[in-house]
Amino acid sequence: MKVRFLGTGTSHGVPVLGCKCPVCTSTDPRDRRYRSSLLVRGVEGKGEGEGEGESILIDAGPEFRLQALAAGLQRLDAVLITHAHADHVHGLDDVRPMTHRNPLAVWASEEDVAELRLRFSYAFGTGQIGGGRPRLDLRVIPTRGIRIGTLDILPIPIMHGTRLVYGYRIDRLAYLTDCSHIPPSSMAMLEGLDTLILDALRPREHPTHLSTQQAFELSRQLMPGRLYLTHLCHDQTHAQLQSLCAGSALPFPVAPGYDGLEFELQ
């Protein structure tokens, strides 16, 4: 299974519009953070399409088209939605070229399916048939999870402030963005991970996101094989985050994610 960070930024993205801070004016390409999104690709020869592996997108933010072009994305089997905030879904219209042959399955919670149906109402109406709207097959993901090709996908209920949202576990990978608390029942669903990708907005505490230190403490309880940080704001450069990770004293590798970073899981 191959994993690519399409975006690792917050709802503003980085650089933040109008900001002249050291991160937003940095020349390090790792400090350019599109809205958070992940691409998971299965092993070739074991997927759903003509010898290719599965191709699963988690969230489609406003930069999805640019992210997909950078990744060389040719097809999608499914989209998993963590929650229907704008920075996680407002790129859904750009999946349109990938829905010409068949509608694209978009999985989310019952509440978010209803919200997406309102937000993208033009895609589900009875108006003109043509290329002006994506063919989205909205589906409520069952709590027991689903299987796409060879990949088992389990929704993980987590708290984003007072809002219940989903993270996703795909085999031994877990992606938990926009998270401020993980209920005990969900912690039990996250045992035995090879890789944990976790929200770590900034060093300072925040009411709806984990701070860097809170992410370290939570990951110490889960003990994954490795940890990547995501949903990063413009408080610190990538190099500064690397130093924080190096000083965390965690008993497993930890690093900040960055747009375009790829890795594999066996």
Protein backbone atom coordinates (compact mmCIF):
# COMPACT_ATOMS: atom_id res chain seq x y z
CA MET A 1 0.00 0.00 0.00
CA LYS A 2 1.34 3.42 -1.00
CA VAL A 3 0.39 6.59 0.83
CA ARG A 4 0.82 10.19 -0.30
CA PHE A 5 0.16 13.38 1.64
CA LEU A 6 -1.77 15.57 -0.81
CA GLY A 7 -2.04 18.36 1.76
CA THR A 8 -0.97 18.91 5.36
CA GLY A 9 -2.29 22.40 6.11
CA THR A 10 -5.12 23.95 8.07
CA SER A 11 -8.37 25.52 6.87
CA HIS A 12 -6.50 28.67 5.77
CA GLY A 13 -3.74 26.75 4.01
CA VAL A 14 -0.13 27.90 4.22
CA PRO A 15 0.92 30.52 3.15
CA VAL A 16 -2.04 32.24 4.78
CA LEU A 17 -3.54 34.98 2.63
CA GLY A 18 -2.01 38.34 3.59
CA CYS A 19 0.43 36.88 6.14
CA LYS A 20 4.13 37.82 6.15
CA CYS A 21 5.28 35.53 8.97
CA PRO A 22 8.50 33.46 8.61
CA VAL A 23 6.54 30.33 7.68
CA CYS A 24 4.32 31.99 5.09
CA THR A 25 7.33 33.67 3.46
CA SER A 26 9.59 30.61 3.71
CA THR A 27 11.36 29.35 0.58
CA ASP A 28 11.34 25.75 1.87
CA PRO A 29 8.77 23.91 -0.30
CA ARG A 30 7.83 21.79 2.73
CA ASP A 31 6.37 24.94 4.31
CA ARG A 32 3.79 25.22 1.53
CA ARG A 33 0.79 23.39 2.96
CA TYR A 34 -2.39 22.84 0.97
CA ARG A 35 -5.55 21.84 2.84
CA SER A 36 -5.24 18.40 4.47
CA SER A 37 -5.92 15.35 2.31
CA LEU A 38 -4.49 11.86 1.81
CA LEU A 39 -4.23 9.48 -1.14
CA VAL A 40 -3.99 5.71 -0.51
CA ARG A 41 -3.09 3.35 -3.34
CA GLY A 42 -3.27 -0.42 -3.11
CA VAL A 43 -0.80 -2.95 -4.49
CA GLU A 44 -0.80 -3.22 -8.28
CA GLY A 45 -2.49 -6.37 -9.55
CA LYS A 46 -4.76 -6.60 -6.51
CA GLY A 47 -7.10 -3.67 -6.99
CA GLU A 48 -10.39 -3.05 -8.76
CA GLY A 49 -9.20 -1.76 -12.11
CA GLU A 50 -7.19 -3.50 -14.83
CA GLY A 51 -4.14 -4.56 -12.86
CA GLU A 52 -3.98 -1.33 -10.86
CA GLY A 53 -4.22 -1.10 -7.12
CA GLU A 54 -7.08 0.59 -5.33
CA SER A 55 -7.07 4.39 -5.38
CA ILE A 56 -8.77 5.95 -2.36
CA LEU A 57 -8.94 9.64 -1.51
CA ILE A 58 -9.51 10.90 2.03
CA ASP A 59 -11.11 14.37 1.81
CA ALA A 60 -11.17 16.70 -1.19
CA GLY A 61 -10.24 20.23 -0.18
CA PRO A 62 -10.15 23.38 -2.31
CA GLU A 63 -6.77 22.51 -3.88
CA PHE A 64 -7.74 18.96 -4.86
CA ARG A 65 -7.23 19.53 -8.60
CA LEU A 66 -3.69 20.83 -8.07
CA GLN A 67 -2.93 18.06 -5.59
CA ALA A 68 -4.20 15.39 -7.98
CA LEU A 69 -2.13 16.75 -10.87
CA ALA A 70 1.00 16.75 -8.71
CA ALA A 71 0.31 13.15 -7.71
CA GLY A 72 -0.34 12.00 -11.28
CA LEU A 73 -3.78 10.77 -10.24
CA GLN A 74 -5.58 8.93 -13.07
CA ARG A 75 -8.56 7.32 -11.33
CA LEU A 76 -10.39 6.97 -8.05
CA ASP A 77 -12.32 4.06 -6.59
CA ALA A 78 -13.76 5.94 -3.62
CA VAL A 79 -13.62 9.09 -1.52
CA LEU A 80 -13.75 8.96 2.27
CA ILE A 81 -14.96 12.13 3.99
CA THR A 82 -13.83 12.89 7.54
CA HIS A 83 -16.37 15.71 7.93
CA ALA A 84 -18.07 18.30 5.76
CA HIS A 85 -16.14 21.42 6.71
CA ALA A 86 -15.20 23.48 3.66
CA ASP A 87 -11.48 22.75 3.78
CA HIS A 88 -12.22 19.02 3.53
CA VAL A 89 -14.93 18.88 0.85
CA HIS A 90 -14.94 21.97 -1.37
CA GLY A 91 -12.82 20.25 -4.00
CA LEU A 92 -15.37 17.52 -4.62
CA ASP A 93 -16.56 19.12 -7.86
CA ASP A 94 -13.08 18.55 -9.29
CA VAL A 95 -13.50 14.77 -9.25
CA ARG A 96 -15.82 15.32 -12.23
CA PRO A 97 -13.40 14.00 -14.91
CA MET A 98 -13.10 10.78 -12.93
CA THR A 99 -16.85 10.17 -12.96
CA HIS A 100 -17.43 10.06 -16.73
CA ARG A 101 -17.61 6.26 -16.90
CA ASN A 102 -19.20 5.53 -13.51
CA PRO A 103 -20.45 7.47 -10.51
CA LEU A 104 -17.84 7.83 -7.76
CA ALA A 105 -18.64 6.41 -4.33
CA VAL A 106 -18.29 9.06 -1.61
CA TRP A 107 -18.47 7.62 1.91
CA ALA A 108 -19.25 9.71 5.00
CA SER A 109 -21.31 9.76 8.17
CA GLU A 110 -25.09 10.00 7.87
CA GLU A 111 -25.02 13.65 8.95
CA ASP A 112 -22.29 14.55 6.49
CA VAL A 113 -23.97 12.72 3.61
CA ALA A 114 -27.04 14.89 4.22
CA GLU A 115 -24.89 18.02 4.39
CA LEU A 116 -23.03 17.14 1.18
CA ARG A 117 -26.32 16.58 -0.61
CA LEU A 118 -27.29 20.14 0.30
CA ARG A 119 -23.88 21.67 -0.36
CA PHE A 120 -23.66 20.07 -3.82
CA SER A 121 -27.37 20.05 -4.60
CA TYR A 122 -26.75 20.85 -8.28
CA ALA A 123 -25.10 17.42 -8.64
CA PHE A 124 -28.26 15.60 -7.58
CA GLY A 125 -31.02 17.63 -9.19
CA THR A 126 -33.01 16.92 -12.34
CA GLY A 127 -31.54 19.71 -14.46
CA GLN A 128 -29.55 19.51 -17.65
CA ILE A 129 -27.55 16.34 -18.24
CA GLY A 130 -23.99 17.10 -19.23
CA GLY A 131 -20.43 17.59 -18.09
CA GLY A 132 -21.20 20.40 -15.67
CA ARG A 133 -21.62 18.32 -12.56
CA PRO A 134 -19.84 15.42 -10.90
CA ARG A 135 -21.55 12.04 -10.63
CA LEU A 136 -21.35 11.46 -6.89
CA ASP A 137 -22.75 8.33 -5.26
CA LEU A 138 -23.16 9.44 -1.64
CA ARG A 139 -23.09 6.53 0.79
CA VAL A 140 -23.35 6.28 4.58
CA ILE A 141 -20.37 4.30 5.80
CA PRO A 142 -21.42 1.56 8.24
CA THR A 143 -19.80 1.53 11.66
CA ARG A 144 -18.47 -1.98 10.96
CA GLY A 145 -16.55 -0.59 8.00
CA ILE A 146 -16.32 -1.50 4.32
CA ARG A 147 -13.98 -3.31 1.97
CA ILE A 148 -12.73 -1.72 -1.24
CA GLY A 149 -10.81 -4.21 -3.33
CA THR A 150 -8.32 -5.75 -0.92
CA LEU A 151 -8.40 -2.88 1.59
CA ASP A 152 -10.43 -2.95 4.80
CA ILE A 153 -11.62 0.51 5.86
CA LEU A 154 -12.91 1.26 9.33
CA PRO A 155 -14.38 4.65 10.35
CA ILE A 156 -12.98 5.85 13.68
CA PRO A 157 -15.27 8.23 15.64
CA ILE A 158 -13.23 11.12 17.06
CA MET A 159 -14.06 14.54 18.47
CA HIS A 160 -13.33 17.80 16.66
CA GLY A 161 -14.18 20.14 19.52
CA THR A 162 -17.84 19.30 20.21
CA ARG A 163 -18.40 17.82 16.73
CA LEU A 164 -18.21 14.09 16.11
CA VAL A 165 -16.16 13.40 12.96
CA TYR A 166 -14.47 10.36 11.45
CA GLY A 167 -10.88 9.31 11.16
CA TYR A 168 -10.18 6.24 9.08
CA ARG A 169 -8.20 3.08 9.64
CA ILE A 170 -7.10 1.28 6.47
CA ASP A 171 -5.47 -1.99 7.46
CA ARG A 172 -2.56 -0.88 9.70
CA LEU A 173 -2.69 2.80 8.72
CA ALA A 174 -4.80 5.33 10.65
CA TYR A 175 -5.51 8.88 9.50
CA LEU A 176 -6.91 11.16 12.21
CA THR A 177 -7.14 14.79 11.16
CA ASP A 178 -9.19 17.56 12.84
CA CYS A 179 -9.07 15.85 16.21
CA SER A 180 -9.12 17.22 19.77
CA HIS A 181 -10.05 14.02 21.63
CA ILE A 182 -10.29 10.30 20.94
CA PRO A 183 -12.95 8.43 22.97
CA PRO A 184 -11.79 5.25 24.77
CA SER A 185 -13.90 3.06 22.47
CA SER A 186 -12.07 4.51 19.46
CA MET A 187 -8.67 4.16 21.12
CA ALA A 188 -9.34 0.42 21.24
CA MET A 189 -9.86 0.46 17.46
CA LEU A 190 -6.38 1.88 16.94
CA GLU A 191 -4.23 -0.87 18.39
CA GLY A 192 -1.45 -2.51 16.38
CA LEU A 193 -0.87 0.32 13.90
CA ASP A 194 2.13 0.42 11.62
CA THR A 195 1.58 4.12 10.86
CA LEU A 196 -0.47 6.79 12.64
CA ILE A 197 -1.12 10.14 10.95
CA LEU A 198 -2.39 12.57 13.57
CA ASP A 199 -3.62 16.15 13.84
CA ALA A 200 -1.03 18.41 15.53
CA LEU A 201 -2.14 21.94 14.71
CA ARG A 202 0.45 23.97 16.65
CA PRO A 203 2.51 23.99 19.87
CA ARG A 204 -0.14 26.06 21.67
CA GLU A 205 -3.37 24.37 22.77
CA HIS A 206 -6.51 24.83 20.67
CA PRO A 207 -10.18 24.07 21.47
CA THR A 208 -10.82 21.88 18.41
CA HIS A 209 -7.41 20.44 17.52
CA LEU A 210 -4.58 18.59 19.23
CA SER A 211 -1.47 20.57 20.01
CA THR A 212 1.91 19.10 19.09
CA GLN A 213 2.52 17.94 22.66
CA GLN A 214 -0.98 16.49 22.98
CA ALA A 215 -0.39 14.54 19.75
CA PHE A 216 2.86 13.17 21.19
CA GLU A 217 1.14 12.13 24.42
CA LEU A 218 -1.76 10.46 22.65
CA SER A 219 0.54 8.58 20.29
CA ARG A 220 2.54 7.33 23.27
CA GLN A 221 -0.64 5.62 24.46
CA LEU A 222 -1.28 4.05 21.04
CA MET A 223 2.36 3.05 20.36
CA PRO A 224 2.25 2.90 16.53
CA GLY A 225 5.24 1.81 14.50
CA ARG A 226 5.71 5.44 13.40
CA LEU A 227 3.94 8.78 13.65
CA TYR A 228 3.40 11.57 11.14
CA LEU A 229 1.92 14.96 12.07
CA THR A 230 -0.59 16.73 9.84
CA HIS A 231 -3.08 19.64 9.75
CA LEU A 232 -0.22 22.03 10.52
CA CYS A 233 -0.71 25.79 10.81
CA HIS A 234 1.85 28.55 10.19
CA ASP A 235 3.24 28.75 13.73
CA GLN A 236 6.35 26.74 12.90
CA THR A 237 8.46 25.86 9.88
CA HIS A 238 8.98 22.28 8.82
CA ALA A 239 12.53 22.46 10.15
CA GLN A 240 11.30 23.65 13.56
CA LEU A 241 8.74 20.86 13.67
CA GLN A 242 11.47 18.36 12.85
CA SER A 243 13.41 19.63 15.87
CA LEU A 244 10.32 19.26 18.08
CA CYS A 245 9.87 15.70 16.87
CA ALA A 246 13.54 14.90 17.47
CA GLY A 247 13.21 16.12 21.05
CA SER A 248 9.96 14.27 21.77
CA ALA A 249 11.71 11.18 23.19
CA LEU A 250 9.01 8.97 21.70
CA PRO A 251 9.98 5.29 21.40
CA PHE A 252 9.16 5.20 17.66
CA PRO A 253 10.00 7.40 14.66
CA VAL A 254 8.05 10.66 14.44
CA ALA A 255 8.13 13.40 11.79
CA PRO A 256 5.98 16.20 10.41
CA GLY A 257 4.22 15.37 7.18
CA TYR A 258 4.57 17.63 4.18
CA ASP A 259 2.75 17.96 0.87
CA GLY A 260 3.98 15.34 -1.59
CA LEU A 261 5.57 13.04 1.02
CA GLU A 262 5.10 9.40 0.04
CA PHE A 263 5.72 6.18 1.92
CA GLU A 264 4.79 2.52 1.70
CA LEU A 265 3.25 -0.03 4.06
CA GLN A 266 3.74 -3.75 3.60
